[in-house]
Amino acid sequence: MHELLAGPARATPDATAVEGPPGDDSITYRELDALSDRVRDGLRGMGVRPGDRVGLQLLGENTCFYQHEELLP
């Protein structure tokens, strides 16, 4: 996943990568790249290694998995 973000993050770091519904914040490629690094580091801290499978459960339309305290201290 990280490799998919690296190119656009370098080429157009301030372009919108993810746009939420009207009234919600959007995320730039720079922010998304930084977020993916934090998620990676959090998962590694929990013992997840490259090649391991990880599942995400989103509980509702306003769920932000990247704000999980154990994942991102």
N, C-alpha and C. Protein backbone atom coordinates (compact mmCIF):
# COMPACT_ATOMS: atom_id res chain seq x y z
N MET A 1 0.82 -1.19 0.00
CA MET A 1 0.00 0.00 0.00
C MET A 1 0.87 1.25 0.00
N HIS A 2 1.92 1.21 0.81
CA HIS A 2 2.77 2.40 0.90
C HIS A 2 3.37 2.77 -0.44
N GLU A 3 3.74 1.78 -1.23
CA GLU A 3 4.34 2.05 -2.54
C GLU A 3 3.36 2.77 -3.45
N LEU A 4 2.07 2.49 -3.30
CA LEU A 4 1.06 3.15 -4.14
C LEU A 4 0.94 4.63 -3.81
N LEU A 5 1.22 5.01 -2.58
CA LEU A 5 1.09 6.40 -2.16
C LEU A 5 2.36 7.21 -2.37
N ALA A 6 3.49 6.55 -2.42
CA ALA A 6 4.76 7.26 -2.46
C ALA A 6 4.91 8.16 -3.69
N GLY A 7 4.53 7.66 -4.86
CA GLY A 7 4.66 8.47 -6.09
C GLY A 7 3.83 9.73 -6.05
N PRO A 8 2.51 9.63 -5.86
CA PRO A 8 1.69 10.84 -5.79
C PRO A 8 2.08 11.75 -4.63
N ALA A 9 2.52 11.19 -3.53
CA ALA A 9 2.92 12.01 -2.38
C ALA A 9 4.13 12.86 -2.73
N ARG A 10 5.04 12.32 -3.52
CA ARG A 10 6.22 13.10 -3.96
C ARG A 10 5.85 14.08 -5.06
N ALA A 11 5.05 13.64 -6.02
CA ALA A 11 4.74 14.46 -7.19
C ALA A 11 3.78 15.61 -6.87
N THR A 12 2.76 15.33 -6.09
CA THR A 12 1.73 16.34 -5.80
C THR A 12 1.32 16.25 -4.33
N PRO A 13 2.23 16.60 -3.42
CA PRO A 13 1.97 16.38 -2.00
C PRO A 13 0.76 17.13 -1.44
N ASP A 14 0.43 18.26 -2.02
CA ASP A 14 -0.67 19.05 -1.49
C ASP A 14 -1.99 18.83 -2.22
N ALA A 15 -2.00 17.92 -3.18
CA ALA A 15 -3.25 17.58 -3.88
C ALA A 15 -4.13 16.73 -2.97
N THR A 16 -5.43 16.82 -3.17
CA THR A 16 -6.37 16.04 -2.37
C THR A 16 -6.29 14.57 -2.75
N ALA A 17 -6.07 13.73 -1.73
CA ALA A 17 -6.00 12.28 -1.94
C ALA A 17 -7.33 11.62 -1.58
N VAL A 18 -7.95 12.08 -0.50
CA VAL A 18 -9.21 11.52 -0.04
C VAL A 18 -10.13 12.68 0.33
N GLU A 19 -11.30 12.66 -0.25
CA GLU A 19 -12.27 13.71 0.03
C GLU A 19 -13.49 13.09 0.69
N GLY A 20 -13.85 13.63 1.84
CA GLY A 20 -15.00 13.12 2.57
C GLY A 20 -16.28 13.74 2.07
N PRO A 21 -17.39 13.39 2.69
CA PRO A 21 -18.68 13.99 2.33
C PRO A 21 -18.65 15.50 2.57
N PRO A 22 -19.58 16.24 1.98
CA PRO A 22 -19.61 17.69 2.20
C PRO A 22 -19.59 18.02 3.68
N GLY A 23 -18.72 18.96 4.05
CA GLY A 23 -18.59 19.35 5.44
C GLY A 23 -17.51 18.61 6.19
N ASP A 24 -17.00 17.51 5.63
CA ASP A 24 -15.91 16.76 6.25
C ASP A 24 -14.58 17.24 5.69
N ASP A 25 -13.53 16.95 6.44
CA ASP A 25 -12.20 17.31 5.99
C ASP A 25 -11.74 16.41 4.85
N SER A 26 -10.85 16.95 4.04
CA SER A 26 -10.18 16.14 3.03
C SER A 26 -8.76 15.89 3.52
N ILE A 27 -8.08 14.94 2.88
CA ILE A 27 -6.71 14.58 3.26
C ILE A 27 -5.84 14.72 2.02
N THR A 28 -4.71 15.39 2.16
CA THR A 28 -3.78 15.53 1.04
C THR A 28 -2.91 14.28 0.95
N TYR A 29 -2.21 14.15 -0.18
CA TYR A 29 -1.29 13.02 -0.33
C TYR A 29 -0.19 13.07 0.73
N ARG A 30 0.27 14.26 1.08
CA ARG A 30 1.28 14.41 2.12
C ARG A 30 0.76 13.86 3.45
N GLU A 31 -0.47 14.25 3.81
CA GLU A 31 -1.08 13.79 5.06
C GLU A 31 -1.34 12.28 5.03
N LEU A 32 -1.80 11.79 3.88
CA LEU A 32 -2.08 10.37 3.76
C LEU A 32 -0.80 9.55 3.85
N ASP A 33 0.28 10.05 3.26
CA ASP A 33 1.57 9.37 3.34
C ASP A 33 2.05 9.32 4.79
N ALA A 34 1.94 10.45 5.50
CA ALA A 34 2.34 10.49 6.91
C ALA A 34 1.47 9.56 7.74
N LEU A 35 0.18 9.54 7.44
CA LEU A 35 -0.75 8.66 8.16
C LEU A 35 -0.41 7.20 7.92
N SER A 36 -0.09 6.85 6.68
CA SER A 36 0.26 5.45 6.39
C SER A 36 1.53 5.05 7.13
N ASP A 37 2.48 5.98 7.27
CA ASP A 37 3.69 5.68 8.03
C ASP A 37 3.34 5.44 9.50
N ARG A 38 2.45 6.24 10.05
CA ARG A 38 2.05 6.08 11.46
C ARG A 38 1.32 4.75 11.67
N VAL A 39 0.45 4.40 10.73
CA VAL A 39 -0.26 3.12 10.84
C VAL A 39 0.74 1.97 10.76
N ARG A 40 1.66 2.05 9.80
CA ARG A 40 2.70 1.02 9.67
C ARG A 40 3.48 0.87 10.97
N ASP A 41 3.92 1.99 11.52
CA ASP A 41 4.71 1.95 12.75
C ASP A 41 3.90 1.40 13.93
N GLY A 42 2.62 1.79 13.99
CA GLY A 42 1.75 1.28 15.04
C GLY A 42 1.55 -0.21 14.94
N LEU A 43 1.33 -0.70 13.72
CA LEU A 43 1.16 -2.14 13.51
C LEU A 43 2.44 -2.90 13.86
N ARG A 44 3.57 -2.36 13.45
CA ARG A 44 4.85 -3.01 13.79
C ARG A 44 5.03 -3.07 15.30
N GLY A 45 4.64 -2.01 15.99
CA GLY A 45 4.74 -1.98 17.44
C GLY A 45 3.86 -3.02 18.10
N MET A 46 2.83 -3.46 17.39
CA MET A 46 1.92 -4.49 17.91
C MET A 46 2.34 -5.88 17.47
N GLY A 47 3.49 -5.97 16.78
CA GLY A 47 4.02 -7.27 16.38
C GLY A 47 3.69 -7.69 14.96
N VAL A 48 3.02 -6.86 14.19
CA VAL A 48 2.70 -7.18 12.80
C VAL A 48 3.96 -6.98 11.96
N ARG A 49 4.25 -7.93 11.12
CA ARG A 49 5.45 -7.87 10.27
C ARG A 49 5.06 -7.82 8.80
N PRO A 50 5.98 -7.33 7.94
CA PRO A 50 5.69 -7.31 6.51
C PRO A 50 5.25 -8.69 6.02
N GLY A 51 4.18 -8.71 5.25
CA GLY A 51 3.63 -9.96 4.74
C GLY A 51 2.48 -10.50 5.56
N ASP A 52 2.34 -10.04 6.82
CA ASP A 52 1.20 -10.44 7.64
C ASP A 52 -0.08 -9.81 7.07
N ARG A 53 -1.17 -10.49 7.24
CA ARG A 53 -2.47 -9.95 6.81
C ARG A 53 -3.11 -9.21 7.98
N VAL A 54 -3.70 -8.07 7.67
CA VAL A 54 -4.33 -7.25 8.69
C VAL A 54 -5.73 -6.89 8.19
N GLY A 55 -6.71 -7.06 9.04
CA GLY A 55 -8.09 -6.69 8.71
C GLY A 55 -8.48 -5.42 9.44
N LEU A 56 -9.30 -4.61 8.80
CA LEU A 56 -9.82 -3.39 9.41
C LEU A 56 -11.33 -3.50 9.49
N GLN A 57 -11.87 -3.11 10.61
CA GLN A 57 -13.32 -3.11 10.77
C GLN A 57 -13.77 -1.67 10.97
N LEU A 58 -14.56 -1.18 10.03
CA LEU A 58 -15.12 0.16 10.13
C LEU A 58 -16.56 0.03 10.58
N LEU A 59 -16.87 0.65 11.70
CA LEU A 59 -18.16 0.43 12.34
C LEU A 59 -19.26 1.36 11.86
N GLY A 60 -18.92 2.43 11.22
CA GLY A 60 -19.94 3.36 10.75
C GLY A 60 -19.32 4.38 9.81
N GLU A 61 -20.14 5.22 9.24
CA GLU A 61 -19.63 6.14 8.24
C GLU A 61 -18.66 7.15 8.81
N ASN A 62 -18.71 7.41 10.10
CA ASN A 62 -17.80 8.38 10.72
C ASN A 62 -16.64 7.73 11.47
N THR A 63 -16.44 6.44 11.27
CA THR A 63 -15.37 5.74 11.96
C THR A 63 -14.03 6.10 11.34
N CYS A 64 -13.07 6.42 12.18
CA CYS A 64 -11.72 6.73 11.73
C CYS A 64 -10.78 5.71 12.34
N PHE A 65 -10.44 4.67 11.60
CA PHE A 65 -9.60 3.60 12.14
C PHE A 65 -8.24 4.12 12.54
N TYR A 66 -7.77 5.15 11.88
CA TYR A 66 -6.42 5.63 12.16
C TYR A 66 -6.32 6.39 13.48
N GLN A 67 -7.43 6.60 14.17
CA GLN A 67 -7.39 7.28 15.46
C GLN A 67 -7.38 6.29 16.63
N HIS A 68 -7.31 5.02 16.35
CA HIS A 68 -7.31 4.01 17.39
C HIS A 68 -6.07 4.19 18.27
N GLU A 69 -6.26 4.31 19.58
CA GLU A 69 -5.15 4.61 20.49
C GLU A 69 -4.05 3.56 20.47
N GLU A 70 -4.41 2.29 20.38
CA GLU A 70 -3.38 1.25 20.37
C GLU A 70 -2.60 1.26 19.08
N LEU A 71 -3.24 1.64 18.01
CA LEU A 71 -2.58 1.65 16.71
C LEU A 71 -1.70 2.86 16.55
N LEU A 72 -2.17 4.00 17.00
CA LEU A 72 -1.42 5.24 16.85
C LEU A 72 -1.29 5.92 18.22
N PRO A 73 -0.31 5.53 18.99
CA PRO A 73 -0.15 6.10 20.34
C PRO A 73 0.13 7.59 20.29
